[in-house]
Amino acid sequence: MGLDQYAYKVVAHDEDNRDEIAYWRKHPNLQGWMEQLWREKGGKGEFNCVDVELTREDLKQLELAIKGKELPETEGFFFGGGSDNHYKEQDFKFIGDAWLAMDKGYKVVYTSWW
């Protein structure tokens, strides 16, 4: 068991039509950032197995947080240790891929399971 995290491009109006654009295994600080975003957007309860839709502004803020080393320190029983440096290049690739997906009319969502 552990923290598995995914980003998908989703066809508008067809939530079942989704393709994976990123996968992370135990990137707890990204999880913490996404949970904060989800709560800001009105999410309640446990942040597990739920989608958070990302906007262009969200991606800009994520990029700034990664560049500034400002992802929130996040812990969880199944989350593993800090991995920001390990995933840094993959995080930037995800942001670029997400932008391209949005340019083509897809929605981009993040979800996780632990």
Protein backbone atom coordinates (compact mmCIF):
# COMPACT_ATOMS: atom_id res chain seq x y z
CA MET A 1 0.00 0.00 0.00
CA GLY A 2 0.99 3.57 -0.46
CA LEU A 3 0.08 6.88 -1.99
CA ASP A 4 -0.63 6.58 -5.73
CA GLN A 5 -1.35 9.82 -7.57
CA TYR A 6 -2.63 10.38 -11.09
CA ALA A 7 -3.44 13.20 -13.48
CA TYR A 8 -5.80 12.62 -16.37
CA LYS A 9 -6.97 14.51 -19.38
CA VAL A 10 -10.73 14.13 -19.55
CA VAL A 11 -13.08 14.61 -22.47
CA ALA A 12 -15.55 17.34 -21.54
CA HIS A 13 -19.01 15.96 -20.70
CA ASP A 14 -17.66 12.37 -20.55
CA GLU A 15 -15.95 11.76 -17.20
CA ASP A 16 -15.37 8.09 -18.08
CA ASN A 17 -13.30 9.06 -21.14
CA ARG A 18 -9.94 9.83 -19.53
CA ASP A 19 -6.31 9.24 -20.38
CA GLU A 20 -3.46 9.28 -17.86
CA ILE A 21 -0.94 12.07 -18.38
CA ALA A 22 1.02 11.68 -15.13
CA TYR A 23 1.59 9.21 -12.32
CA TRP A 24 3.43 9.66 -9.04
CA ARG A 25 4.17 7.15 -6.31
CA LYS A 26 4.51 8.69 -2.84
CA HIS A 27 4.90 12.40 -3.60
CA PRO A 28 3.33 13.61 -0.34
CA ASN A 29 3.95 17.34 -0.70
CA LEU A 30 2.20 17.39 -4.08
CA GLN A 31 -0.68 15.57 -2.38
CA GLY A 32 -0.79 18.25 0.30
CA TRP A 33 -0.81 21.02 -2.31
CA MET A 34 -3.63 19.33 -4.22
CA GLU A 35 -5.62 18.76 -1.05
CA GLN A 36 -5.35 22.45 -0.14
CA LEU A 37 -6.56 23.35 -3.63
CA TRP A 38 -9.44 20.88 -3.41
CA ARG A 39 -10.53 22.37 -0.08
CA GLU A 40 -10.30 25.91 -1.50
CA LYS A 41 -12.66 24.74 -4.26
CA GLY A 42 -15.17 23.48 -1.68
CA GLY A 43 -14.00 19.91 -1.10
CA LYS A 44 -15.00 18.41 2.23
CA GLY A 45 -14.18 15.19 4.00
CA GLU A 46 -11.28 12.88 3.23
CA PHE A 47 -9.13 13.69 0.22
CA ASN A 48 -8.85 10.15 -1.11
CA CYS A 49 -10.21 8.78 -4.40
CA VAL A 50 -11.70 12.12 -5.39
CA ASP A 51 -10.99 14.29 -8.43
CA VAL A 52 -9.89 17.89 -8.33
CA GLU A 53 -10.18 19.71 -11.64
CA LEU A 54 -7.20 21.90 -12.43
CA THR A 55 -7.40 25.24 -14.20
CA ARG A 56 -4.68 27.15 -16.00
CA GLU A 57 -4.36 29.40 -12.96
CA ASP A 58 -3.97 26.35 -10.71
CA LEU A 59 -1.14 25.10 -12.93
CA LYS A 60 0.58 28.50 -12.77
CA GLN A 61 0.36 28.46 -8.97
CA LEU A 62 1.66 24.89 -8.84
CA GLU A 63 4.61 25.80 -11.03
CA LEU A 64 5.43 28.75 -8.76
CA ALA A 65 5.17 26.55 -5.67
CA ILE A 66 7.55 23.97 -7.16
CA LYS A 67 10.06 26.61 -8.32
CA GLY A 68 9.93 28.32 -4.93
CA LYS A 69 10.17 25.02 -3.04
CA GLU A 70 6.86 25.89 -1.41
CA LEU A 71 4.91 22.64 -1.63
CA PRO A 72 3.51 22.12 1.88
CA GLU A 73 5.21 19.52 4.08
CA THR A 74 2.68 16.70 4.13
CA GLU A 75 2.71 13.46 6.09
CA GLY A 76 0.52 10.41 6.08
CA PHE A 77 0.91 6.79 7.12
CA PHE A 78 1.14 5.56 3.51
CA PHE A 79 2.67 8.71 1.98
CA GLY A 80 6.40 8.09 2.25
CA GLY A 81 9.03 10.79 2.77
CA GLY A 82 9.76 14.04 1.03
CA SER A 83 10.28 13.50 -2.70
CA ASP A 84 10.11 17.01 -4.16
CA ASN A 85 13.59 16.88 -5.69
CA HIS A 86 13.03 13.38 -7.05
CA TYR A 87 9.84 14.42 -8.87
CA LYS A 88 10.75 18.00 -9.81
CA GLU A 89 11.35 17.38 -13.54
CA GLN A 90 8.32 15.09 -13.76
CA ASP A 91 6.19 17.77 -12.09
CA PHE A 92 7.23 20.33 -14.71
CA LYS A 93 6.59 17.82 -17.50
CA PHE A 94 3.11 17.21 -16.08
CA ILE A 95 2.38 20.94 -16.06
CA GLY A 96 3.44 21.22 -19.72
CA ASP A 97 1.39 18.16 -20.71
CA ALA A 98 -1.61 19.51 -18.82
CA TRP A 99 -1.36 22.85 -20.67
CA LEU A 100 -1.25 21.00 -24.01
CA ALA A 101 -4.28 18.93 -23.06
CA MET A 102 -6.21 22.06 -22.09
CA ASP A 103 -5.21 23.69 -25.39
CA LYS A 104 -6.88 20.73 -27.13
CA GLY A 105 -10.09 21.16 -25.16
CA TYR A 106 -9.59 18.56 -22.43
CA LYS A 107 -10.20 19.06 -18.74
CA VAL A 108 -7.34 18.03 -16.45
CA VAL A 109 -8.01 16.32 -13.14
CA TYR A 110 -5.82 15.06 -10.31
CA THR A 111 -6.78 12.15 -8.10
CA SER A 112 -5.09 9.90 -5.60
CA TRP A 113 -5.56 6.68 -3.72
CA TRP A 114 -3.96 5.57 -0.48
